[in-house]
Amino acid sequence: MQEIGRGAKVFDAGPVRGRFLPMEGPDDDAEYTHTGSQLPIDLAEHVNVLDESIDSLRAEMRAASDETAVMEQTESVIVVANAVSSAAEHIERARAAVRTLKSVIGMN
């Protein structure tokens, strides 16, 4: 085992095991911590989860809207249909925002 360095003890912790990969330049960590667009992998994954979730919600809202359209138009059904329509508009706004975010951060 090669000793990498020494320093003042900062906190109590036991020894750790792992593999040390020295970095020679500023781009050496790109393979481990970034996507191809130089974004942290976690950020890209969360944006993709948001995008997929919004698409799924959009499909479910369309199904709910289609279902309320064929129901007898009682007062309760009209209230539900209006709520579904309003929620669908919010989903479209969120979808547009995620598209813009993906564009801004280079995830096209």
C-alpha atoms as a PDB file:
ATOM      1  CA  MET A   1       0.000   0.000   0.000  1.00  0.00           C
ATOM      2  CA  GLN A   2       1.285   3.452  -0.917  1.00  0.00           C
ATOM      3  CA  GLU A   3       0.964   6.335   1.517  1.00  0.00           C
ATOM      4  CA  ILE A   4      -0.712   9.259  -0.225  1.00  0.00           C
ATOM      5  CA  GLY A   5      -0.279  11.971   2.345  1.00  0.00           C
ATOM      6  CA  ARG A   6      -0.332  12.996   5.975  1.00  0.00           C
ATOM      7  CA  GLY A   7      -2.160  15.697   7.849  1.00  0.00           C
ATOM      8  CA  ALA A   8      -3.669  16.754  11.126  1.00  0.00           C
ATOM      9  CA  LYS A   9      -6.434  14.531  12.466  1.00  0.00           C
ATOM     10  CA  VAL A  10      -9.755  16.269  11.834  1.00  0.00           C
ATOM     11  CA  PHE A  11     -12.352  13.762  13.079  1.00  0.00           C
ATOM     12  CA  ASP A  12     -12.531  10.270  14.512  1.00  0.00           C
ATOM     13  CA  ALA A  13     -13.232   7.674  11.858  1.00  0.00           C
ATOM     14  CA  GLY A  14     -12.052   4.198  11.183  1.00  0.00           C
ATOM     15  CA  PRO A  15      -9.978   3.231   8.163  1.00  0.00           C
ATOM     16  CA  VAL A  16     -11.743   2.940   4.840  1.00  0.00           C
ATOM     17  CA  ARG A  17     -11.177   0.642   1.914  1.00  0.00           C
ATOM     18  CA  GLY A  18     -11.483   1.531  -1.702  1.00  0.00           C
ATOM     19  CA  ARG A  19      -9.628   2.363  -4.836  1.00  0.00           C
ATOM     20  CA  PHE A  20      -7.806   5.649  -5.182  1.00  0.00           C
ATOM     21  CA  LEU A  21      -7.723   7.087  -8.672  1.00  0.00           C
ATOM     22  CA  PRO A  22      -5.406  10.085  -8.832  1.00  0.00           C
ATOM     23  CA  MET A  23      -6.548  12.902 -11.089  1.00  0.00           C
ATOM     24  CA  GLU A  24      -3.946  14.468 -13.307  1.00  0.00           C
ATOM     25  CA  GLY A  25      -6.068  17.240 -14.838  1.00  0.00           C
ATOM     26  CA  PRO A  26      -9.353  19.133 -14.392  1.00  0.00           C
ATOM     27  CA  ASP A  27     -11.289  16.837 -16.763  1.00  0.00           C
ATOM     28  CA  ASP A  28     -10.243  13.528 -15.211  1.00  0.00           C
ATOM     29  CA  ASP A  29     -13.433  13.272 -13.156  1.00  0.00           C
ATOM     30  CA  ALA A  30     -15.773  13.658 -16.165  1.00  0.00           C
ATOM     31  CA  GLU A  31     -16.193   9.905 -16.587  1.00  0.00           C
ATOM     32  CA  TYR A  32     -17.210   9.423 -12.955  1.00  0.00           C
ATOM     33  CA  THR A  33     -19.303  12.466 -12.068  1.00  0.00           C
ATOM     34  CA  HIS A  34     -20.711  14.028 -15.210  1.00  0.00           C
ATOM     35  CA  THR A  35     -22.877  13.204 -18.153  1.00  0.00           C
ATOM     36  CA  GLY A  36     -21.715  13.885 -21.685  1.00  0.00           C
ATOM     37  CA  SER A  37     -23.028  17.443 -21.350  1.00  0.00           C
ATOM     38  CA  GLN A  38     -20.846  18.039 -18.287  1.00  0.00           C
ATOM     39  CA  LEU A  39     -23.781  17.907 -15.874  1.00  0.00           C
ATOM     40  CA  PRO A  40     -23.650  16.029 -12.604  1.00  0.00           C
ATOM     41  CA  ILE A  41     -25.221  12.617 -13.198  1.00  0.00           C
ATOM     42  CA  ASP A  42     -27.695  13.099 -10.334  1.00  0.00           C
ATOM     43  CA  LEU A  43     -29.043  16.297 -11.867  1.00  0.00           C
ATOM     44  CA  ALA A  44     -29.545  14.694 -15.263  1.00  0.00           C
ATOM     45  CA  GLU A  45     -31.263  11.680 -13.669  1.00  0.00           C
ATOM     46  CA  HIS A  46     -33.636  13.878 -11.641  1.00  0.00           C
ATOM     47  CA  VAL A  47     -34.536  16.001 -14.656  1.00  0.00           C
ATOM     48  CA  ASN A  48     -35.253  12.818 -16.631  1.00  0.00           C
ATOM     49  CA  VAL A  49     -37.431  11.471 -13.795  1.00  0.00           C
ATOM     50  CA  LEU A  50     -39.391  14.734 -13.778  1.00  0.00           C
ATOM     51  CA  ASP A  51     -39.810  14.557 -17.550  1.00  0.00           C
ATOM     52  CA  GLU A  52     -40.990  10.937 -17.473  1.00  0.00           C
ATOM     53  CA  SER A  53     -43.327  11.565 -14.534  1.00  0.00           C
ATOM     54  CA  ILE A  54     -44.913  14.559 -16.236  1.00  0.00           C
ATOM     55  CA  ASP A  55     -45.429  12.542 -19.423  1.00  0.00           C
ATOM     56  CA  SER A  56     -47.068   9.775 -17.404  1.00  0.00           C
ATOM     57  CA  LEU A  57     -49.315  12.234 -15.558  1.00  0.00           C
ATOM     58  CA  ARG A  58     -50.254  13.806 -18.871  1.00  0.00           C
ATOM     59  CA  ALA A  59     -51.381  10.447 -20.248  1.00  0.00           C
ATOM     60  CA  GLU A  60     -53.367   9.698 -17.090  1.00  0.00           C
ATOM     61  CA  MET A  61     -55.052  13.116 -17.229  1.00  0.00           C
ATOM     62  CA  ARG A  62     -56.029  12.507 -20.858  1.00  0.00           C
ATOM     63  CA  ALA A  63     -57.580   9.182 -19.878  1.00  0.00           C
ATOM     64  CA  ALA A  64     -59.486  10.823 -17.021  1.00  0.00           C
ATOM     65  CA  SER A  65     -60.673  13.596 -19.337  1.00  0.00           C
ATOM     66  CA  ASP A  66     -61.843  11.079 -21.937  1.00  0.00           C
ATOM     67  CA  GLU A  67     -63.685   9.140 -19.258  1.00  0.00           C
ATOM     68  CA  THR A  68     -65.506  12.197 -17.871  1.00  0.00           C
ATOM     69  CA  ALA A  69     -66.524  13.189 -21.416  1.00  0.00           C
ATOM     70  CA  VAL A  70     -68.574  10.005 -21.868  1.00  0.00           C
ATOM     71  CA  MET A  71     -70.175  10.100 -18.412  1.00  0.00           C
ATOM     72  CA  GLU A  72     -73.590  11.539 -17.751  1.00  0.00           C
ATOM     73  CA  GLN A  73     -72.927  15.222 -17.122  1.00  0.00           C
ATOM     74  CA  THR A  74     -74.142  15.470 -13.551  1.00  0.00           C
ATOM     75  CA  GLU A  75     -72.982  18.292 -11.306  1.00  0.00           C
ATOM     76  CA  SER A  76     -70.345  16.054  -9.723  1.00  0.00           C
ATOM     77  CA  VAL A  77     -68.988  14.909 -13.085  1.00  0.00           C
ATOM     78  CA  ILE A  78     -68.775  18.518 -14.274  1.00  0.00           C
ATOM     79  CA  VAL A  79     -66.784  19.471 -11.151  1.00  0.00           C
ATOM     80  CA  VAL A  80     -64.410  16.535 -11.712  1.00  0.00           C
ATOM     81  CA  ALA A  81     -64.089  17.333 -15.435  1.00  0.00           C
ATOM     82  CA  ASN A  82     -63.203  20.949 -14.631  1.00  0.00           C
ATOM     83  CA  ALA A  83     -60.635  19.850 -12.044  1.00  0.00           C
ATOM     84  CA  VAL A  84     -59.097  17.408 -14.530  1.00  0.00           C
ATOM     85  CA  SER A  85     -58.952  20.138 -17.179  1.00  0.00           C
ATOM     86  CA  SER A  86     -57.283  22.551 -14.772  1.00  0.00           C
ATOM     87  CA  ALA A  87     -54.776  19.902 -13.669  1.00  0.00           C
ATOM     88  CA  ALA A  88     -53.988  19.121 -17.310  1.00  0.00           C
ATOM     89  CA  GLU A  89     -53.156  22.785 -17.898  1.00  0.00           C
ATOM     90  CA  HIS A  90     -50.757  22.743 -14.944  1.00  0.00           C
ATOM     91  CA  ILE A  91     -49.140  19.588 -16.287  1.00  0.00           C
ATOM     92  CA  GLU A  92     -48.619  21.269 -19.660  1.00  0.00           C
ATOM     93  CA  ARG A  93     -46.965  24.237 -17.932  1.00  0.00           C
ATOM     94  CA  ALA A  94     -44.695  21.880 -15.984  1.00  0.00           C
ATOM     95  CA  ARG A  95     -43.887  19.966 -19.157  1.00  0.00           C
ATOM     96  CA  ALA A  96     -42.903  23.192 -20.925  1.00  0.00           C
ATOM     97  CA  ALA A  97     -40.765  24.219 -17.952  1.00  0.00           C
ATOM     98  CA  VAL A  98     -38.906  20.898 -17.964  1.00  0.00           C
ATOM     99  CA  ARG A  99     -38.327  21.204 -21.725  1.00  0.00           C
ATOM    100  CA  THR A 100     -36.913  24.692 -21.196  1.00  0.00           C
ATOM    101  CA  LEU A 101     -34.748  23.452 -18.316  1.00  0.00           C
ATOM    102  CA  LYS A 102     -33.390  20.619 -20.459  1.00  0.00           C
ATOM    103  CA  SER A 103     -32.589  23.089 -23.212  1.00  0.00           C
ATOM    104  CA  VAL A 104     -30.896  25.547 -20.856  1.00  0.00           C
ATOM    105  CA  ILE A 105     -28.682  22.895 -19.274  1.00  0.00           C
ATOM    106  CA  GLY A 106     -27.904  21.212 -22.603  1.00  0.00           C
ATOM    107  CA  MET A 107     -29.911  18.004 -22.295  1.00  0.00           C
ATOM    108  CA  ASN A 108     -31.525  18.092 -25.739  1.00  0.00           C
END
